[in-house]
């Protein structure tokens, strides 16, 4: 059983910072691409940032220069450092990862349960 658990969300004023974490657990053989998504009520979930197994990162235009994605493979954990937060960054943030478990040796995408980020003006 593979699980992804996000943490680090909360309430912050505009211009402030938060650091989200996504910890993977279970019988994991390997983790390839890891992603952060976000969703607000009534809108589709949107990709925020992605990082592959070599550490190459990519960002949505609306967070470039403000957010930094990283990963620690020894800890099976991904991070999202969010700086210069804006009210429009308010959303539930989800982690998503391409994981190969020991159980069947095939990769699957898993989702975390989400963590709320609220940015006040």
C-alpha atoms as a PDB file:
ATOM      1  CA  UNK A   1       0.000   0.000   0.000  1.00  0.00           C
ATOM      2  CA  UNK A   2       1.549   3.285  -1.142  1.00  0.00           C
ATOM      3  CA  UNK A   3       0.521   6.511   0.531  1.00  0.00           C
ATOM      4  CA  UNK A   4       1.347  10.147  -0.128  1.00  0.00           C
ATOM      5  CA  UNK A   5       0.785  12.543   2.748  1.00  0.00           C
ATOM      6  CA  UNK A   6       1.023  16.310   2.392  1.00  0.00           C
ATOM      7  CA  UNK A   7       1.736  18.713   5.221  1.00  0.00           C
ATOM      8  CA  UNK A   8       2.710  22.325   5.752  1.00  0.00           C
ATOM      9  CA  UNK A   9      -0.390  24.128   4.570  1.00  0.00           C
ATOM     10  CA  UNK A  10      -1.970  26.934   6.540  1.00  0.00           C
ATOM     11  CA  UNK A  11      -2.937  30.585   6.627  1.00  0.00           C
ATOM     12  CA  UNK A  12      -0.407  33.225   5.637  1.00  0.00           C
ATOM     13  CA  UNK A  13      -0.515  36.884   4.704  1.00  0.00           C
ATOM     14  CA  UNK A  14       0.192  38.045   1.182  1.00  0.00           C
ATOM     15  CA  UNK A  15       3.934  38.261   0.601  1.00  0.00           C
ATOM     16  CA  UNK A  16       4.615  35.509   3.091  1.00  0.00           C
ATOM     17  CA  UNK A  17       6.042  32.025   2.650  1.00  0.00           C
ATOM     18  CA  UNK A  18       5.059  28.422   3.267  1.00  0.00           C
ATOM     19  CA  UNK A  19       6.836  25.136   2.715  1.00  0.00           C
ATOM     20  CA  UNK A  20       4.774  22.116   1.749  1.00  0.00           C
ATOM     21  CA  UNK A  21       5.986  18.555   2.145  1.00  0.00           C
ATOM     22  CA  UNK A  22       4.798  15.333   0.551  1.00  0.00           C
ATOM     23  CA  UNK A  23       6.010  12.133   2.167  1.00  0.00           C
ATOM     24  CA  UNK A  24       5.647   8.811   0.395  1.00  0.00           C
ATOM     25  CA  UNK A  25       5.403   5.596   2.353  1.00  0.00           C
ATOM     26  CA  UNK A  26       4.788   1.919   1.746  1.00  0.00           C
ATOM     27  CA  UNK A  27       6.540  -0.825  -0.189  1.00  0.00           C
ATOM     28  CA  UNK A  28       8.122   1.506  -2.718  1.00  0.00           C
ATOM     29  CA  UNK A  29      10.676   0.300  -5.217  1.00  0.00           C
ATOM     30  CA  UNK A  30      11.167   3.616  -7.001  1.00  0.00           C
ATOM     31  CA  UNK A  31       9.639   7.051  -7.545  1.00  0.00           C
ATOM     32  CA  UNK A  32       9.913   8.758 -10.919  1.00  0.00           C
ATOM     33  CA  UNK A  33       8.154  12.043 -11.634  1.00  0.00           C
ATOM     34  CA  UNK A  34       6.655  13.947  -8.712  1.00  0.00           C
ATOM     35  CA  UNK A  35       4.191  16.802  -9.121  1.00  0.00           C
ATOM     36  CA  UNK A  36       2.370  19.467  -7.159  1.00  0.00           C
ATOM     37  CA  UNK A  37      -1.139  20.370  -8.272  1.00  0.00           C
ATOM     38  CA  UNK A  38      -3.648  22.795  -6.836  1.00  0.00           C
ATOM     39  CA  UNK A  39      -7.389  23.193  -7.017  1.00  0.00           C
ATOM     40  CA  UNK A  40      -9.910  25.849  -6.042  1.00  0.00           C
ATOM     41  CA  UNK A  41     -13.681  25.291  -5.823  1.00  0.00           C
ATOM     42  CA  UNK A  42     -15.330  25.148  -9.210  1.00  0.00           C
ATOM     43  CA  UNK A  43     -12.048  24.942 -11.107  1.00  0.00           C
ATOM     44  CA  UNK A  44     -10.059  22.107 -12.593  1.00  0.00           C
ATOM     45  CA  UNK A  45      -6.996  20.867 -10.807  1.00  0.00           C
ATOM     46  CA  UNK A  46      -3.932  22.586 -12.293  1.00  0.00           C
ATOM     47  CA  UNK A  47      -0.288  21.605 -12.412  1.00  0.00           C
ATOM     48  CA  UNK A  48       1.948  23.865 -10.345  1.00  0.00           C
ATOM     49  CA  UNK A  49       5.374  22.245 -10.555  1.00  0.00           C
ATOM     50  CA  UNK A  50       6.999  18.993 -11.531  1.00  0.00           C
ATOM     51  CA  UNK A  51      10.336  17.330 -10.800  1.00  0.00           C
ATOM     52  CA  UNK A  52      11.764  14.194 -12.354  1.00  0.00           C
ATOM     53  CA  UNK A  53      14.088  11.584 -10.873  1.00  0.00           C
ATOM     54  CA  UNK A  54      17.169  13.483 -12.045  1.00  0.00           C
ATOM     55  CA  UNK A  55      16.013  16.608 -10.231  1.00  0.00           C
ATOM     56  CA  UNK A  56      14.994  18.544 -13.310  1.00  0.00           C
ATOM     57  CA  UNK A  57      12.160  20.879 -12.398  1.00  0.00           C
ATOM     58  CA  UNK A  58       9.545  22.760 -14.347  1.00  0.00           C
ATOM     59  CA  UNK A  59       6.964  25.293 -13.249  1.00  0.00           C
ATOM     60  CA  UNK A  60       3.685  26.789 -14.318  1.00  0.00           C
ATOM     61  CA  UNK A  61       4.132  30.365 -15.478  1.00  0.00           C
ATOM     62  CA  UNK A  62       2.021  31.692 -12.623  1.00  0.00           C
ATOM     63  CA  UNK A  63       4.537  30.459  -9.993  1.00  0.00           C
ATOM     64  CA  UNK A  64       7.851  30.858 -11.806  1.00  0.00           C
ATOM     65  CA  UNK A  65      10.324  32.815  -9.731  1.00  0.00           C
ATOM     66  CA  UNK A  66       8.240  32.415  -6.565  1.00  0.00           C
ATOM     67  CA  UNK A  67       7.961  28.649  -5.940  1.00  0.00           C
ATOM     68  CA  UNK A  68      10.716  26.040  -5.793  1.00  0.00           C
ATOM     69  CA  UNK A  69      10.132  22.304  -6.021  1.00  0.00           C
ATOM     70  CA  UNK A  70      12.672  19.847  -4.628  1.00  0.00           C
ATOM     71  CA  UNK A  71      12.912  16.239  -3.511  1.00  0.00           C
ATOM     72  CA  UNK A  72      14.893  14.113  -1.081  1.00  0.00           C
ATOM     73  CA  UNK A  73      14.848  10.582  -2.438  1.00  0.00           C
ATOM     74  CA  UNK A  74      16.445   9.127   0.694  1.00  0.00           C
ATOM     75  CA  UNK A  75      13.445  10.392   2.651  1.00  0.00           C
ATOM     76  CA  UNK A  76      10.980   9.730  -0.195  1.00  0.00           C
ATOM     77  CA  UNK A  77       9.792  13.293   0.286  1.00  0.00           C
ATOM     78  CA  UNK A  78       9.024  16.157  -2.063  1.00  0.00           C
ATOM     79  CA  UNK A  79       8.858  19.821  -1.092  1.00  0.00           C
ATOM     80  CA  UNK A  80       7.355  23.008  -2.423  1.00  0.00           C
ATOM     81  CA  UNK A  81       8.846  26.227  -1.112  1.00  0.00           C
ATOM     82  CA  UNK A  82       6.335  28.985  -1.776  1.00  0.00           C
ATOM     83  CA  UNK A  83       7.517  32.576  -1.463  1.00  0.00           C
ATOM     84  CA  UNK A  84       5.872  35.912  -2.250  1.00  0.00           C
ATOM     85  CA  UNK A  85       2.481  34.310  -1.859  1.00  0.00           C
ATOM     86  CA  UNK A  86      -0.541  36.011  -3.375  1.00  0.00           C
ATOM     87  CA  UNK A  87      -4.238  35.684  -2.493  1.00  0.00           C
ATOM     88  CA  UNK A  88      -4.755  33.941  -5.844  1.00  0.00           C
ATOM     89  CA  UNK A  89      -2.454  31.139  -4.630  1.00  0.00           C
ATOM     90  CA  UNK A  90      -5.183  30.124  -2.206  1.00  0.00           C
ATOM     91  CA  UNK A  91      -6.117  26.529  -3.016  1.00  0.00           C
ATOM     92  CA  UNK A  92      -5.896  22.948  -1.884  1.00  0.00           C
ATOM     93  CA  UNK A  93      -2.468  21.676  -2.893  1.00  0.00           C
ATOM     94  CA  UNK A  94      -2.070  18.030  -3.865  1.00  0.00           C
ATOM     95  CA  UNK A  95       1.016  15.957  -4.432  1.00  0.00           C
ATOM     96  CA  UNK A  96       1.097  13.358  -7.165  1.00  0.00           C
ATOM     97  CA  UNK A  97       3.820  10.841  -7.921  1.00  0.00           C
ATOM     98  CA  UNK A  98       4.665   8.083 -10.359  1.00  0.00           C
ATOM     99  CA  UNK A  99       5.530   5.237  -8.004  1.00  0.00           C
ATOM    100  CA  UNK A 100       6.611   1.690  -8.668  1.00  0.00           C
ATOM    101  CA  UNK A 101       5.696  -0.489  -5.693  1.00  0.00           C
ATOM    102  CA  UNK A 102       7.376  -3.804  -4.889  1.00  0.00           C
ATOM    103  CA  UNK A 103       4.014  -5.546  -5.105  1.00  0.00           C
ATOM    104  CA  UNK A 104       3.637  -5.636  -8.895  1.00  0.00           C
ATOM    105  CA  UNK A 105       6.698  -3.882 -10.303  1.00  0.00           C
ATOM    106  CA  UNK A 106       4.585  -1.538 -12.412  1.00  0.00           C
ATOM    107  CA  UNK A 107       4.402   2.216 -12.011  1.00  0.00           C
ATOM    108  CA  UNK A 108       1.195   3.910 -10.920  1.00  0.00           C
ATOM    109  CA  UNK A 109       0.297   7.516 -10.236  1.00  0.00           C
ATOM    110  CA  UNK A 110      -0.779   8.152  -6.654  1.00  0.00           C
ATOM    111  CA  UNK A 111      -2.374  11.218  -5.064  1.00  0.00           C
ATOM    112  CA  UNK A 112      -2.167  12.683  -1.619  1.00  0.00           C
ATOM    113  CA  UNK A 113      -5.228  13.901   0.286  1.00  0.00           C
ATOM    114  CA  UNK A 114      -4.385  17.590  -0.145  1.00  0.00           C
ATOM    115  CA  UNK A 115      -3.413  20.421   2.159  1.00  0.00           C
ATOM    116  CA  UNK A 116      -5.154  23.788   2.311  1.00  0.00           C
ATOM    117  CA  UNK A 117      -3.180  26.957   1.631  1.00  0.00           C
ATOM    118  CA  UNK A 118      -4.934  30.234   2.341  1.00  0.00           C
ATOM    119  CA  UNK A 119      -3.313  33.569   1.551  1.00  0.00           C
ATOM    120  CA  UNK A 120      -4.985  36.636   3.045  1.00  0.00           C
ATOM    121  CA  UNK A 121      -4.724  40.087   1.485  1.00  0.00           C
END
